[in-house]
Amino acid sequence: MPVLLTTAFDPGDLDVGNTYPRAIIILQQIQPELRQIMVAYQFGNMVEGAWVKGMVSPDKTVTITGEDYDALVAEAAIEDEDYNIYAGAKRILYEYLIDKGYIVGAIE
C-alpha cells in the first residue's frame, strides 16, 4: 500500500537522473504507555510487485503524540479491509502523513 507521490522525490546529485515516485511506511511502533506512535517511511518504487528503496532514499521518521495519537487509536478498520486491523492501521497512518503534509500524494 504505497503512496504515489504528487511530485517524485528527487535525491539530486546523490542519485543523478533518478527520482523516486512512491513512499512506503517501513516501520510503525506503537507505545501506548507513552501515548505515541512512531512511523518511519522511505522513498522508492514498486518493481514487479515488490518494494525497491531508492538508492539514497533517506528514512524519515514522524512521532505522533497527544490529541493526534488519541484520534488515530480511536479509528477502526473498515469493511473494505475485511476489518483487518493491520490494513486499517496502515491506511490510517498513511492518511495522517498525507493530511499533515509529510507526504504529498495518494494512497494506491
C-alpha atoms as a PDB file:
ATOM      1  CA  MET A   1       0.000   0.000   0.000  1.00  0.00           C
ATOM      2  CA  PRO A   2       2.468   2.700  -1.112  1.00  0.00           C
ATOM      3  CA  VAL A   3       1.669   6.345  -1.720  1.00  0.00           C
ATOM      4  CA  LEU A   4       2.037   7.613  -5.277  1.00  0.00           C
ATOM      5  CA  LEU A   5       3.698  10.984  -4.773  1.00  0.00           C
ATOM      6  CA  THR A   6       2.317  14.079  -6.472  1.00  0.00           C
ATOM      7  CA  THR A   7       5.928  15.071  -7.183  1.00  0.00           C
ATOM      8  CA  ALA A   8       8.539  12.319  -7.169  1.00  0.00           C
ATOM      9  CA  PHE A   9      11.254  12.603  -4.519  1.00  0.00           C
ATOM     10  CA  ASP A  10      14.413  13.933  -6.188  1.00  0.00           C
ATOM     11  CA  PRO A  11      17.653  12.882  -4.476  1.00  0.00           C
ATOM     12  CA  GLY A  12      19.603  15.423  -6.527  1.00  0.00           C
ATOM     13  CA  ASP A  13      23.313  14.878  -7.027  1.00  0.00           C
ATOM     14  CA  LEU A  14      23.295  11.823  -4.764  1.00  0.00           C
ATOM     15  CA  ASP A  15      21.495   9.775  -7.489  1.00  0.00           C
ATOM     16  CA  VAL A  16      21.745  11.871 -10.645  1.00  0.00           C
ATOM     17  CA  GLY A  17      18.925  11.468 -13.143  1.00  0.00           C
ATOM     18  CA  ASN A  18      16.733   9.362 -10.868  1.00  0.00           C
ATOM     19  CA  THR A  19      13.626  10.214  -8.907  1.00  0.00           C
ATOM     20  CA  TYR A  20      11.571   8.064  -6.556  1.00  0.00           C
ATOM     21  CA  PRO A  21       7.835   8.221  -7.324  1.00  0.00           C
ATOM     22  CA  ARG A  22       6.466   6.440  -4.245  1.00  0.00           C
ATOM     23  CA  ALA A  23       6.720   6.391  -0.460  1.00  0.00           C
ATOM     24  CA  ILE A  24       6.080   3.455   1.841  1.00  0.00           C
ATOM     25  CA  ILE A  25       5.853   3.002   5.599  1.00  0.00           C
ATOM     26  CA  ILE A  26       8.695   0.740   6.694  1.00  0.00           C
ATOM     27  CA  LEU A  27       8.117   0.767  10.460  1.00  0.00           C
ATOM     28  CA  GLN A  28       5.318   1.556  12.854  1.00  0.00           C
ATOM     29  CA  GLN A  29       5.898   1.362  16.576  1.00  0.00           C
ATOM     30  CA  ILE A  30       3.015   1.916  18.959  1.00  0.00           C
ATOM     31  CA  GLN A  31       3.840   2.792  22.577  1.00  0.00           C
ATOM     32  CA  PRO A  32       0.503   3.106  24.400  1.00  0.00           C
ATOM     33  CA  GLU A  33       2.169   3.722  27.764  1.00  0.00           C
ATOM     34  CA  LEU A  34       3.687   6.905  26.271  1.00  0.00           C
ATOM     35  CA  ARG A  35       0.634   7.684  24.094  1.00  0.00           C
ATOM     36  CA  GLN A  36       2.773   7.779  20.975  1.00  0.00           C
ATOM     37  CA  ILE A  37       3.214   6.132  17.603  1.00  0.00           C
ATOM     38  CA  MET A  38       6.488   6.319  15.708  1.00  0.00           C
ATOM     39  CA  VAL A  39       6.278   5.915  11.939  1.00  0.00           C
ATOM     40  CA  ALA A  40       9.247   5.579   9.565  1.00  0.00           C
ATOM     41  CA  TYR A  41       8.932   5.840   5.801  1.00  0.00           C
ATOM     42  CA  GLN A  42      11.162   5.976   2.744  1.00  0.00           C
ATOM     43  CA  PHE A  43      11.007   6.746  -0.964  1.00  0.00           C
ATOM     44  CA  GLY A  44      11.394   4.340  -3.864  1.00  0.00           C
ATOM     45  CA  ASN A  45       9.210   2.406  -6.294  1.00  0.00           C
ATOM     46  CA  MET A  46       7.306  -0.822  -6.811  1.00  0.00           C
ATOM     47  CA  VAL A  47       9.047  -3.173  -9.261  1.00  0.00           C
ATOM     48  CA  GLU A  48       7.170  -6.315 -10.304  1.00  0.00           C
ATOM     49  CA  GLY A  49       5.035  -6.092  -7.164  1.00  0.00           C
ATOM     50  CA  ALA A  50       7.961  -5.697  -4.753  1.00  0.00           C
ATOM     51  CA  TRP A  51       9.146  -2.565  -2.940  1.00  0.00           C
ATOM     52  CA  VAL A  52      12.548  -1.236  -4.031  1.00  0.00           C
ATOM     53  CA  LYS A  53      14.007   1.526  -1.880  1.00  0.00           C
ATOM     54  CA  GLY A  54      15.538   4.429  -3.772  1.00  0.00           C
ATOM     55  CA  MET A  55      19.315   4.052  -3.771  1.00  0.00           C
ATOM     56  CA  VAL A  56      19.872   7.046  -1.492  1.00  0.00           C
ATOM     57  CA  SER A  57      16.413   7.476  -0.004  1.00  0.00           C
ATOM     58  CA  PRO A  58      16.552   8.883   3.494  1.00  0.00           C
ATOM     59  CA  ASP A  59      14.496   7.102   6.134  1.00  0.00           C
ATOM     60  CA  LYS A  60      12.112   9.732   7.521  1.00  0.00           C
ATOM     61  CA  THR A  61      10.586   9.455  10.992  1.00  0.00           C
ATOM     62  CA  VAL A  62       7.446  11.024  12.465  1.00  0.00           C
ATOM     63  CA  THR A  63       6.320  10.704  16.088  1.00  0.00           C
ATOM     64  CA  ILE A  64       2.586  11.061  16.708  1.00  0.00           C
ATOM     65  CA  THR A  65       1.555  12.123  20.221  1.00  0.00           C
ATOM     66  CA  GLY A  66      -1.163  13.864  22.202  1.00  0.00           C
ATOM     67  CA  GLU A  67      -4.506  14.540  20.550  1.00  0.00           C
ATOM     68  CA  ASP A  68      -3.261  13.185  17.209  1.00  0.00           C
ATOM     69  CA  TYR A  69      -2.400   9.880  18.938  1.00  0.00           C
ATOM     70  CA  ASP A  70      -5.835   9.746  20.595  1.00  0.00           C
ATOM     71  CA  ALA A  71      -7.602  10.372  17.279  1.00  0.00           C
ATOM     72  CA  LEU A  72      -5.615   7.694  15.462  1.00  0.00           C
ATOM     73  CA  VAL A  73      -6.145   4.946  18.035  1.00  0.00           C
ATOM     74  CA  ALA A  74      -9.886   5.698  18.035  1.00  0.00           C
ATOM     75  CA  GLU A  75     -10.093   4.873  14.304  1.00  0.00           C
ATOM     76  CA  ALA A  76     -11.330   1.449  13.250  1.00  0.00           C
ATOM     77  CA  ALA A  77     -10.733  -0.932  10.381  1.00  0.00           C
ATOM     78  CA  ILE A  78     -13.433  -0.820   7.709  1.00  0.00           C
ATOM     79  CA  GLU A  79     -15.416  -3.356   5.712  1.00  0.00           C
ATOM     80  CA  ASP A  80     -13.354  -2.756   2.538  1.00  0.00           C
ATOM     81  CA  GLU A  81     -10.349  -4.026   4.518  1.00  0.00           C
ATOM     82  CA  ASP A  82     -12.299  -7.048   5.826  1.00  0.00           C
ATOM     83  CA  TYR A  83     -11.942  -5.355   9.223  1.00  0.00           C
ATOM     84  CA  ASN A  84      -8.258  -6.332   9.184  1.00  0.00           C
ATOM     85  CA  ILE A  85      -6.662  -4.188  11.897  1.00  0.00           C
ATOM     86  CA  TYR A  86      -3.239  -4.200  10.199  1.00  0.00           C
ATOM     87  CA  ALA A  87      -4.674  -2.864   6.921  1.00  0.00           C
ATOM     88  CA  GLY A  88      -6.691  -0.303   8.855  1.00  0.00           C
ATOM     89  CA  ALA A  89      -3.665   0.849  10.842  1.00  0.00           C
ATOM     90  CA  LYS A  90      -1.547   1.284   7.688  1.00  0.00           C
ATOM     91  CA  ARG A  91      -4.318   3.239   5.945  1.00  0.00           C
ATOM     92  CA  ILE A  92      -4.805   5.500   8.953  1.00  0.00           C
ATOM     93  CA  LEU A  93      -1.067   6.195   9.266  1.00  0.00           C
ATOM     94  CA  TYR A  94      -0.748   6.964   5.547  1.00  0.00           C
ATOM     95  CA  GLU A  95      -3.749   9.302   5.782  1.00  0.00           C
ATOM     96  CA  TYR A  96      -2.119  11.037   8.765  1.00  0.00           C
ATOM     97  CA  LEU A  97       1.195  11.522   6.918  1.00  0.00           C
ATOM     98  CA  ILE A  98      -0.681  12.947   3.918  1.00  0.00           C
ATOM     99  CA  ASP A  99      -3.030  15.150   5.994  1.00  0.00           C
ATOM    100  CA  LYS A 100      -0.105  16.623   7.941  1.00  0.00           C
ATOM    101  CA  GLY A 101       1.935  17.265   4.769  1.00  0.00           C
ATOM    102  CA  TYR A 102       4.788  14.835   5.444  1.00  0.00           C
ATOM    103  CA  ILE A 103       3.950  13.012   2.189  1.00  0.00           C
ATOM    104  CA  VAL A 104       2.100  14.639  -0.711  1.00  0.00           C
ATOM    105  CA  GLY A 105       0.282  12.119  -2.856  1.00  0.00           C
ATOM    106  CA  ALA A 106      -2.449   9.487  -2.890  1.00  0.00           C
ATOM    107  CA  ILE A 107      -2.646   6.020  -1.371  1.00  0.00           C
ATOM    108  CA  GLU A 108      -2.586   3.360  -4.059  1.00  0.00           C
END
